[in-house]
């Protein structure tokens, strides 16, 4: 009985050992095959790192502001009788925007004018009687004062009526109407926004060490995400005389014609002050830069000779760089690359360090220093 049990145990152990050996052999073959396996190359576009001469510039984030901007409000309370404007309309200075009800003031004005007329007639009589010494000098003075008082009362009521006719203070574009016909308005209640869009300002700041490089009249180029590929050219028109005590930066103002009205107050953009002279830079397409929280990098294309790991092939090596300022479809590189190196410019998200690649530049759009919206 014991002999049979021993033989059974030995047999089971032999079977298990055989199975383990077979599986180990299979795993070894799989590992060997995976080491020899070469993934198919990823198709990418490429670009050569070139040395270019770019104009010397200072860049900053700018905020677009109106040359003149105001929220129209009534000086006096009253009910809205007429609204002769439409939301978003372009108006001229002096155009009537709102008429408030002035029926009470108009009635008061007619009453005061009647009193003024009577006072003037009385004054004329007093002047005649005074010539004949029929009245005292004091009576004549009182009649003159009465006329002036009624004239002042009439002017005051007329001014009240005029203030209830609200006009555009300057040329510009209106915003969205915030009142309705028949609504009672308190003094200071917003009616509509009015912004002068041509010309228009863009304000930005520069650090104190750059102040001496800028002068009024310099060219300022402005780009915005709202109009990709379009560069607005303006002039530096004002430099604040004092610096911000917290940031040690100076506020600058540039002016743009904005004839098409594309720039709107409140927009953000990138302002570029063009300085005298040019400077050499290493330039690559901005699409070649892989941005991540830990830094910017590119994939440098290299030829790898045949070795034990496989035949000769083209691979990429991830290289961290310090990106500089952008210009058009390009970006300058301050450190990390050399002239003549080749980098991947499209298909970056499917790459990894050491990946095999194949170049194909036939379908990739050509980068430009002055791109147009139709090319983007």
Protein backbone atom coordinates (compact mmCIF):
# COMPACT_ATOMS: atom_id res chain seq x y z
CA UNK A 1 0.00 0.00 0.00
CA UNK A 2 2.78 2.42 0.92
CA UNK A 3 4.67 1.50 -2.26
CA UNK A 4 1.66 2.37 -4.45
CA UNK A 5 1.25 5.72 -2.67
CA UNK A 6 4.93 6.54 -3.17
CA UNK A 7 4.76 5.67 -6.87
CA UNK A 8 1.69 7.91 -7.28
CA UNK A 9 3.42 10.85 -5.64
CA UNK A 10 6.52 10.38 -7.81
CA UNK A 11 4.36 10.19 -10.93
CA UNK A 12 2.47 13.39 -10.08
CA UNK A 13 5.74 15.20 -9.31
CA UNK A 14 7.19 14.07 -12.63
CA UNK A 15 4.13 15.32 -14.52
CA UNK A 16 4.22 18.69 -12.74
CA UNK A 17 7.94 19.01 -13.36
CA UNK A 18 7.42 18.30 -17.04
CA UNK A 19 4.71 20.92 -17.30
CA UNK A 20 6.86 23.52 -15.52
CA UNK A 21 9.77 22.74 -17.82
CA UNK A 22 7.62 23.09 -20.92
CA UNK A 23 6.20 26.44 -19.75
CA UNK A 24 9.67 27.73 -18.88
CA UNK A 25 10.89 26.77 -22.34
CA UNK A 26 7.92 28.57 -23.92
CA UNK A 27 8.53 31.73 -21.88
CA UNK A 28 12.21 31.67 -22.81
CA UNK A 29 11.35 31.43 -26.49
CA UNK A 30 8.86 34.31 -26.16
CA UNK A 31 11.45 36.53 -24.44
CA UNK A 32 14.05 35.74 -27.07
CA UNK A 33 11.56 36.48 -29.86
CA UNK A 34 10.48 39.76 -28.28
CA UNK A 35 14.09 40.92 -28.07
CA UNK A 36 14.57 40.25 -31.76
CA UNK A 37 11.19 41.70 -32.78
CA UNK A 38 11.35 45.18 -34.33
CA UNK A 39 8.22 47.31 -34.29
CA UNK A 40 7.21 48.85 -37.61
CA UNK A 41 8.50 52.44 -37.97
CA UNK A 42 6.25 55.41 -37.15
CA UNK A 43 5.71 57.85 -40.02
CA UNK A 44 6.68 61.42 -39.10
CA UNK A 45 7.48 64.77 -40.67
CA UNK A 46 10.88 66.31 -40.05
CA UNK A 47 12.56 69.71 -39.97
CA UNK A 48 16.18 70.83 -39.81
CA UNK A 49 17.37 73.16 -37.07
CA UNK A 50 18.44 76.33 -38.87
CA UNK A 51 20.08 79.56 -37.84
CA UNK A 52 17.99 82.58 -38.71
CA UNK A 53 18.22 86.32 -38.13
CA UNK A 54 15.14 87.64 -36.40
CA UNK A 55 14.41 91.25 -35.46
CA UNK A 56 15.26 92.06 -31.87
CA UNK A 57 11.98 92.25 -29.98
CA UNK A 58 10.52 92.44 -26.50
CA UNK A 59 7.37 90.40 -25.93
CA UNK A 60 4.66 90.71 -23.31
CA UNK A 61 1.03 89.76 -22.71
CA UNK A 62 -1.19 92.71 -23.67
CA UNK A 63 -4.75 93.70 -22.87
CA UNK A 64 -6.83 95.56 -25.46
CA UNK A 65 -8.64 98.64 -24.17
CA UNK A 66 -10.86 101.18 -25.87
CA UNK A 67 -9.48 104.62 -26.66
CA UNK A 68 -12.74 105.87 -25.19
CA UNK A 69 -15.24 103.70 -23.39
CA UNK A 70 -18.18 104.42 -21.12
CA UNK A 71 -21.38 102.91 -19.81
CA UNK A 72 -24.21 105.31 -20.66
CA UNK A 73 -26.32 106.20 -17.60
CA UNK A 74 -29.00 108.84 -16.91
CA UNK A 75 -28.13 111.80 -14.68
CA UNK A 76 -31.73 112.11 -13.52
CA UNK A 77 -34.47 109.55 -12.84
CA UNK A 78 -37.42 109.16 -15.17
CA UNK A 79 -39.55 106.84 -17.31
CA UNK A 80 -38.23 105.72 -20.71
CA UNK A 81 -40.34 107.31 -23.44
CA UNK A 82 -38.25 106.52 -26.54
CA UNK A 83 -35.24 104.29 -27.40
CA UNK A 84 -34.09 105.28 -30.91
CA UNK A 85 -31.04 102.93 -31.05
CA UNK A 86 -30.42 99.23 -31.70
CA UNK A 87 -28.03 96.98 -29.81
CA UNK A 88 -24.63 96.80 -31.50
CA UNK A 89 -25.22 99.86 -33.68
CA UNK A 90 -22.47 102.30 -34.68
CA UNK A 91 -23.34 105.84 -33.56
CA UNK A 92 -21.91 109.32 -33.93
CA UNK A 93 -21.26 111.72 -31.11
CA UNK A 94 -24.49 113.64 -30.39
CA UNK A 95 -26.86 110.92 -31.62
CA UNK A 96 -29.89 110.55 -29.34
CA UNK A 97 -29.93 107.22 -27.49
CA UNK A 98 -32.80 107.57 -24.99
CA UNK A 99 -35.54 110.09 -24.27
CA UNK A 100 -37.04 110.09 -20.79
CA UNK A 101 -40.51 111.43 -20.05
CA UNK A 102 -40.34 115.23 -19.66
CA UNK A 103 -44.05 116.12 -19.78
CA UNK A 104 -44.00 117.48 -16.20
CA UNK A 105 -40.89 119.58 -16.81
CA UNK A 106 -42.29 120.92 -20.10
CA UNK A 107 -45.45 122.07 -18.30
CA UNK A 108 -43.34 123.76 -15.62
CA UNK A 109 -41.26 125.44 -18.31
CA UNK A 110 -44.36 126.87 -20.00
CA UNK A 111 -45.53 128.22 -16.63
CA UNK A 112 -42.16 129.82 -15.89
CA UNK A 113 -41.97 131.33 -19.38
CA UNK A 114 -45.38 132.92 -18.84
CA UNK A 115 -44.19 134.38 -15.56
CA UNK A 116 -41.02 135.58 -17.27
CA UNK A 117 -43.03 137.31 -19.98
CA UNK A 118 -45.14 139.08 -17.37
CA UNK A 119 -42.03 140.05 -15.40
CA UNK A 120 -40.44 141.58 -18.51
CA UNK A 121 -43.56 143.63 -19.22
CA UNK A 122 -43.56 144.80 -15.63
CA UNK A 123 -39.88 145.73 -15.93
CA UNK A 124 -40.56 147.80 -19.04
CA UNK A 125 -43.25 149.73 -17.16
CA UNK A 126 -40.92 150.24 -14.22
CA UNK A 127 -38.20 151.64 -16.50
CA UNK A 128 -40.67 154.15 -17.98
CA UNK A 129 -42.04 155.15 -14.59
CA UNK A 130 -38.53 155.51 -13.17
CA UNK A 131 -37.60 157.98 -15.89
CA UNK A 132 -40.48 160.13 -14.68
CA UNK A 133 -39.53 159.54 -11.02
CA UNK A 134 -42.88 157.86 -10.51
CA UNK A 135 -41.36 154.83 -8.68
CA UNK A 136 -38.45 154.35 -6.38
CA UNK A 137 -35.10 152.93 -7.50
CA UNK A 138 -35.71 149.93 -5.24
CA UNK A 139 -38.88 149.03 -7.14
CA UNK A 140 -36.96 149.03 -10.42
CA UNK A 141 -34.25 146.84 -8.91
CA UNK A 142 -36.89 144.42 -7.65
CA UNK A 143 -38.44 144.17 -11.12
CA UNK A 144 -35.03 143.46 -12.70
CA UNK A 145 -34.30 140.80 -10.08
CA UNK A 146 -37.68 139.18 -10.70
CA UNK A 147 -36.92 138.90 -14.44
CA UNK A 148 -33.51 137.35 -13.75
CA UNK A 149 -35.01 134.91 -11.27
CA UNK A 150 -37.62 133.72 -13.78
CA UNK A 151 -34.91 133.44 -16.47
CA UNK A 152 -32.82 131.28 -14.12
CA UNK A 153 -35.84 129.11 -13.34
CA UNK A 154 -36.52 128.65 -17.04
CA UNK A 155 -32.85 127.74 -17.69
CA UNK A 156 -32.91 125.22 -14.85
CA UNK A 157 -36.00 123.46 -16.19
CA UNK A 158 -34.61 123.51 -19.74
CA UNK A 159 -31.39 121.93 -18.45
CA UNK A 160 -33.42 119.22 -16.74
CA UNK A 161 -35.26 118.49 -19.99
CA UNK A 162 -31.94 118.40 -21.87
CA UNK A 163 -30.46 115.93 -19.35
CA UNK A 164 -33.42 113.63 -19.91
CA UNK A 165 -32.48 113.45 -23.58
CA UNK A 166 -29.45 111.14 -23.41
CA UNK A 167 -26.98 111.41 -26.29
CA UNK A 168 -23.81 109.58 -27.35
CA UNK A 169 -20.80 111.54 -26.05
CA UNK A 170 -18.50 110.34 -28.86
CA UNK A 171 -18.37 108.12 -31.96
CA UNK A 172 -18.35 104.39 -31.24
CA UNK A 173 -20.13 101.06 -31.21
CA UNK A 174 -22.95 100.34 -28.79
CA UNK A 175 -23.27 97.18 -26.73
CA UNK A 176 -26.43 95.32 -25.73
CA UNK A 177 -29.39 97.42 -24.57
CA UNK A 178 -30.12 97.00 -20.85
CA UNK A 179 -33.41 98.91 -20.59
CA UNK A 180 -36.94 98.66 -21.98
CA UNK A 181 -39.57 101.12 -23.15
CA UNK A 182 -41.66 102.46 -20.27
CA UNK A 183 -39.16 101.35 -17.64
CA UNK A 184 -38.49 103.72 -14.73
CA UNK A 185 -34.79 104.49 -14.44
CA UNK A 186 -33.00 105.66 -11.36
CA UNK A 187 -30.06 108.03 -11.78
CA UNK A 188 -26.93 106.08 -12.66
CA UNK A 189 -28.80 103.00 -13.97
CA UNK A 190 -26.77 101.39 -16.84
CA UNK A 191 -28.38 101.83 -20.25
CA UNK A 192 -25.82 100.57 -22.76
CA UNK A 193 -22.05 100.33 -23.22
CA UNK A 194 -20.39 102.62 -25.77
CA UNK A 195 -16.85 101.86 -26.96
CA UNK A 196 -14.69 103.71 -29.46
CA UNK A 197 -12.94 100.98 -31.49
CA UNK A 198 -10.91 102.98 -34.00
CA UNK A 199 -8.27 103.67 -32.92
CA UNK A 200 -7.84 101.24 -30.05
CA UNK A 201 -5.19 100.72 -27.37
CA UNK A 202 -3.23 97.67 -26.20
CA UNK A 203 -1.56 97.97 -22.80
CA UNK A 204 1.23 95.74 -21.47
CA UNK A 205 4.08 95.80 -18.97
CA UNK A 206 7.82 95.26 -19.25
CA UNK A 207 10.38 94.67 -16.48
CA UNK A 208 12.42 97.64 -15.32
CA UNK A 209 15.64 96.39 -16.98
CA UNK A 210 13.98 96.72 -20.41
CA UNK A 211 12.73 100.31 -19.94
CA UNK A 212 15.77 101.94 -21.54
CA UNK A 213 15.34 99.88 -24.72
CA UNK A 214 11.90 101.22 -25.64
CA UNK A 215 10.92 104.63 -26.98
CA UNK A 216 7.66 106.21 -28.08
CA UNK A 217 7.09 105.64 -31.79
CA UNK A 218 8.50 102.11 -31.98
CA UNK A 219 6.57 99.50 -33.98
CA UNK A 220 4.43 97.14 -31.90
CA UNK A 221 3.03 93.94 -33.41
CA UNK A 222 -0.01 92.35 -31.74
CA UNK A 223 -1.35 88.82 -32.23
CA UNK A 224 -4.48 87.33 -30.63
CA UNK A 225 -6.05 83.89 -30.45
CA UNK A 226 -9.26 85.45 -31.74
CA UNK A 227 -7.61 86.06 -35.13
CA UNK A 228 -4.92 83.36 -35.57
CA UNK A 229 -2.27 84.13 -38.13
CA UNK A 230 -3.11 87.85 -38.32
CA UNK A 231 -0.57 90.41 -37.10
CA UNK A 232 -1.83 93.88 -36.14
CA UNK A 233 0.78 96.61 -36.50
CA UNK A 234 0.68 99.66 -34.27
CA UNK A 235 2.93 102.19 -32.56
CA UNK A 236 4.11 102.65 -29.01
CA UNK A 237 2.37 105.87 -27.93
CA UNK A 238 2.90 106.19 -24.17
CA UNK A 239 5.23 104.96 -21.43
CA UNK A 240 4.19 105.35 -17.80
CA UNK A 241 6.64 107.63 -15.94
CA UNK A 242 6.49 105.56 -12.75
CA UNK A 243 6.98 101.83 -12.10
CA UNK A 244 4.75 99.43 -10.23
CA UNK A 245 6.23 99.23 -6.72
CA UNK A 246 5.23 95.57 -6.34
CA UNK A 247 6.41 94.10 -9.66
CA UNK A 248 9.04 96.72 -10.61
CA UNK A 249 7.55 96.85 -14.09
CA UNK A 250 6.47 99.76 -16.29
CA UNK A 251 3.13 100.11 -18.08
CA UNK A 252 3.19 100.87 -21.81
CA UNK A 253 0.43 101.80 -24.24
CA UNK A 254 0.36 101.10 -27.97
CA UNK A 255 -2.18 102.38 -30.48
CA UNK A 256 -3.67 100.46 -33.43
CA UNK A 257 -5.79 101.88 -36.26
CA UNK A 258 -8.23 98.93 -36.06
CA UNK A 259 -10.06 100.11 -39.18
CA UNK A 260 -11.79 96.72 -39.54
CA UNK A 261 -12.87 96.70 -35.90
CA UNK A 262 -11.39 93.23 -35.29
CA UNK A 263 -9.78 94.18 -31.98
CA UNK A 264 -12.28 94.51 -29.14
CA UNK A 265 -11.83 95.88 -25.60
CA UNK A 266 -11.02 93.12 -23.14
CA UNK A 267 -9.13 90.90 -25.60
CA UNK A 268 -5.79 89.45 -24.58
CA UNK A 269 -2.90 89.09 -26.99
CA UNK A 270 0.86 88.98 -27.37
CA UNK A 271 2.54 92.34 -27.93
CA UNK A 272 5.96 92.44 -29.59
CA UNK A 273 7.98 95.66 -29.49
CA UNK A 274 10.35 95.72 -32.48
CA UNK A 275 13.80 97.03 -31.49
CA UNK A 276 16.59 98.19 -33.80
CA UNK A 277 18.84 95.50 -35.35
CA UNK A 278 18.58 91.74 -35.70
CA UNK A 279 19.89 88.80 -33.69
CA UNK A 280 20.77 85.21 -34.71
CA UNK A 281 18.51 82.47 -33.36
CA UNK A 282 18.08 78.72 -33.79
CA UNK A 283 14.62 78.19 -35.26
CA UNK A 284 12.40 75.12 -35.50
CA UNK A 285 8.68 74.75 -36.29
CA UNK A 286 6.57 75.24 -33.19
CA UNK A 287 4.88 71.88 -33.94
CA UNK A 288 8.21 70.16 -33.15
CA UNK A 289 8.05 71.20 -29.49
CA UNK A 290 6.48 68.68 -27.12
CA UNK A 291 5.27 70.64 -24.09
CA UNK A 292 4.80 68.94 -20.73
CA UNK A 293 4.61 70.05 -17.08
CA UNK A 294 8.22 69.02 -16.54
CA UNK A 295 9.57 70.99 -19.51
CA UNK A 296 9.69 71.34 -23.29
CA UNK A 297 11.37 68.71 -25.43
CA UNK A 298 11.89 67.65 -29.04
CA UNK A 299 12.57 64.32 -30.73
CA UNK A 300 15.94 64.44 -32.49
CA UNK A 301 16.16 62.11 -35.52
CA UNK A 302 19.31 59.95 -35.59
CA UNK A 303 20.66 57.10 -37.72
CA UNK A 304 21.47 53.97 -35.71
CA UNK A 305 23.94 51.45 -37.15
CA UNK A 306 23.25 47.73 -37.25
CA UNK A 307 24.05 45.91 -34.01
CA UNK A 308 23.04 42.87 -32.02
CA UNK A 309 19.63 44.41 -31.49
CA UNK A 310 18.83 44.54 -35.20
CA UNK A 311 19.64 46.10 -38.57
CA UNK A 312 20.45 49.76 -39.25
CA UNK A 313 17.45 52.06 -38.80
CA UNK A 314 16.37 55.63 -38.11
CA UNK A 315 15.36 56.35 -34.51
CA UNK A 316 14.40 59.36 -32.39
CA UNK A 317 15.97 60.59 -29.17
CA UNK A 318 14.00 62.79 -26.81
CA UNK A 319 15.95 65.98 -26.05
CA UNK A 320 14.92 68.63 -23.52
CA UNK A 321 15.25 72.22 -24.72
CA UNK A 322 14.59 75.75 -23.59
CA UNK A 323 12.17 77.36 -26.02
CA UNK A 324 12.44 81.09 -26.68
CA UNK A 325 10.07 83.48 -28.41
CA UNK A 326 7.67 82.48 -31.19
CA UNK A 327 7.50 84.05 -34.63
CA UNK A 328 4.93 82.90 -37.14
CA UNK A 329 4.95 79.09 -37.30
CA UNK A 330 8.42 78.95 -35.73
CA UNK A 331 9.88 79.16 -32.24
CA UNK A 332 13.45 79.96 -31.25
CA UNK A 333 15.53 77.52 -29.21
CA UNK A 334 17.87 78.92 -26.59
CA UNK A 335 19.50 75.67 -25.41
CA UNK A 336 19.38 71.97 -26.24
CA UNK A 337 19.89 71.87 -30.03
CA UNK A 338 22.58 72.54 -32.63
CA UNK A 339 22.45 73.85 -36.17
CA UNK A 340 21.86 71.07 -38.69
CA UNK A 341 20.20 68.62 -36.33
CA UNK A 342 16.95 67.13 -37.58
CA UNK A 343 13.83 66.99 -35.39
CA UNK A 344 10.40 65.46 -35.76
CA UNK A 345 7.87 68.18 -36.59
CA UNK A 346 4.66 66.14 -36.74
CA UNK A 347 3.41 62.92 -35.17
CA UNK A 348 5.06 63.58 -31.80
CA UNK A 349 2.35 62.03 -29.63
CA UNK A 350 3.00 58.52 -30.98
CA UNK A 351 6.77 58.70 -30.37
CA UNK A 352 8.90 57.49 -27.50
CA UNK A 353 12.61 57.62 -26.79
CA UNK A 354 14.40 55.18 -29.17
CA UNK A 355 11.37 54.59 -31.43
CA UNK A 356 12.01 53.64 -35.06
CA UNK A 357 10.69 56.23 -37.51
CA UNK A 358 10.22 56.84 -41.19
CA UNK A 359 10.27 60.36 -42.65
CA UNK A 360 7.55 61.61 -44.98
CA UNK A 361 7.36 65.38 -45.59
CA UNK A 362 5.05 65.31 -48.59
CA UNK A 363 1.80 65.82 -46.66
CA UNK A 364 3.04 68.19 -43.97
CA UNK A 365 2.17 71.91 -44.44
CA UNK A 366 5.20 74.15 -44.80
CA UNK A 367 5.98 76.38 -41.83
CA UNK A 368 6.15 80.14 -42.46
CA UNK A 369 7.38 83.19 -40.58
CA UNK A 370 4.35 85.12 -41.85
CA UNK A 371 1.45 82.64 -41.96
CA UNK A 372 -1.98 83.62 -43.24
CA UNK A 373 -5.31 82.37 -41.84
CA UNK A 374 -5.96 80.36 -45.00
CA UNK A 375 -2.74 78.42 -44.36
CA UNK A 376 -3.53 77.49 -40.75
